[in-house]
Amino acid sequence: MEPAPRPVDALFDIDAFSLGYIRELGRVRGVTIGLGGRRVVNFVPRQFDDTYGSRTPVGRMLFILIRPHHELMGDAMSDVRHPGHGSERRP
C-alpha cells in the first residue's frame, strides 16, 4: 500500500536519541586516525507508521575519522624544565 502524500511545506516534530564512540587508532603524518560507530533511535509521529513501519525506527553508522593532530600543551611542554618542580638538571 502506497503511503498517503503529505504537503511539502508541512512541519513535523521528530526526536532522536543517539549514542556513539570513537577509538583513536594512531597518528600518521600529522593526522589522527580513528574508527567510530553510532546508533540512533528516532521518535516519529504516528502518521509516519506506514512510511517507517514503526514509531521508533533505528539506524546505525560506522565511520573512519581523519583529523589534524594538535599537540596538547602538556605534550609540547614535556621537555621544558621548570625550576622548583624537581626537574632541574644537576651537575
Protein backbone atom coordinates (compact mmCIF):
# COMPACT_ATOMS: atom_id res chain seq x y z
CA MET A 1 0.00 0.00 0.00
CA GLU A 2 1.39 3.41 -1.02
CA PRO A 3 1.73 5.97 1.83
CA ALA A 4 -0.60 8.96 1.64
CA PRO A 5 1.10 12.07 0.18
CA ARG A 6 1.97 14.81 2.64
CA PRO A 7 2.22 18.54 1.90
CA VAL A 8 5.77 19.56 1.01
CA ASP A 9 5.73 22.52 3.41
CA ALA A 10 4.34 20.56 6.40
CA LEU A 11 6.42 20.53 9.58
CA PHE A 12 6.60 17.57 11.97
CA ASP A 13 8.22 17.02 15.36
CA ILE A 14 10.79 14.25 15.08
CA ASP A 15 13.04 13.47 18.03
CA ALA A 16 16.12 11.29 18.16
CA PHE A 17 18.50 9.79 20.70
CA SER A 18 21.96 8.84 19.57
CA LEU A 19 24.96 7.23 21.23
CA GLY A 20 28.39 6.90 19.69
CA TYR A 21 32.01 6.03 20.31
CA ILE A 22 35.32 6.88 18.63
CA ARG A 23 38.53 4.94 19.20
CA GLU A 24 41.70 6.71 18.12
CA LEU A 25 43.96 4.18 16.40
CA GLY A 26 47.08 6.28 15.95
CA ARG A 27 48.82 9.28 14.45
CA VAL A 28 50.34 9.35 10.99
CA ARG A 29 51.91 12.33 9.18
CA GLY A 30 50.24 14.99 11.30
CA VAL A 31 46.76 13.42 11.39
CA THR A 32 44.92 11.32 13.94
CA ILE A 33 43.07 8.28 12.61
CA GLY A 34 40.13 6.74 14.43
CA LEU A 35 37.31 4.27 14.00
CA GLY A 36 33.84 5.01 15.31
CA GLY A 37 30.25 3.96 15.41
CA ARG A 38 26.90 5.50 16.22
CA ARG A 39 23.41 4.15 16.94
CA VAL A 40 20.29 6.28 16.79
CA VAL A 41 16.65 5.76 17.75
CA ASN A 42 14.19 8.18 16.16
CA PHE A 43 10.78 9.05 17.57
CA VAL A 44 8.39 9.92 14.75
CA PRO A 45 4.70 10.95 14.76
CA ARG A 46 2.03 8.28 14.41
CA GLN A 47 1.18 9.40 10.85
CA PHE A 48 4.58 8.06 9.71
CA ASP A 49 3.87 4.47 10.81
CA ASP A 50 3.07 3.47 7.24
CA THR A 51 6.30 5.07 5.95
CA TYR A 52 8.79 3.76 8.53
CA GLY A 53 6.94 0.68 9.78
CA SER A 54 7.50 1.83 13.37
CA ARG A 55 7.27 4.92 15.54
CA THR A 56 10.84 4.26 16.69
CA PRO A 57 12.97 3.45 13.63
CA VAL A 58 16.65 2.81 14.39
CA GLY A 59 19.81 3.48 12.44
CA ARG A 60 23.50 2.80 12.75
CA MET A 61 26.68 4.11 11.21
CA LEU A 62 30.32 3.05 11.18
CA PHE A 63 32.94 5.59 10.15
CA ILE A 64 36.63 6.34 9.87
CA LEU A 65 37.79 9.60 11.42
CA ILE A 66 40.74 11.52 9.99
CA ARG A 67 41.53 14.86 11.59
CA PRO A 68 44.58 17.10 12.05
CA HIS A 69 46.65 16.22 15.10
CA HIS A 70 47.12 19.11 17.53
CA GLU A 71 49.77 18.90 20.22
CA LEU A 72 48.36 19.33 23.70
CA MET A 73 50.09 21.92 25.82
CA GLY A 74 51.31 19.20 28.19
CA ASP A 75 52.84 17.20 25.31
CA ALA A 76 54.52 20.21 23.74
CA MET A 77 55.96 21.35 27.07
CA SER A 78 57.15 17.94 28.31
CA ASP A 79 60.85 18.73 27.69
CA VAL A 80 60.75 22.17 29.29
CA ARG A 81 62.49 22.37 32.66
CA HIS A 82 60.53 24.12 35.40
CA PRO A 83 62.65 25.44 38.28
CA GLY A 84 61.40 24.36 41.67
CA HIS A 85 59.49 21.34 40.39
CA GLY A 86 62.19 18.71 40.74
CA SER A 87 63.09 18.77 37.07
CA GLU A 88 66.31 20.78 37.33
CA ARG A 89 69.43 19.19 35.91
CA ARG A 90 72.14 18.61 38.43
CA PRO A 91 75.82 18.91 37.51
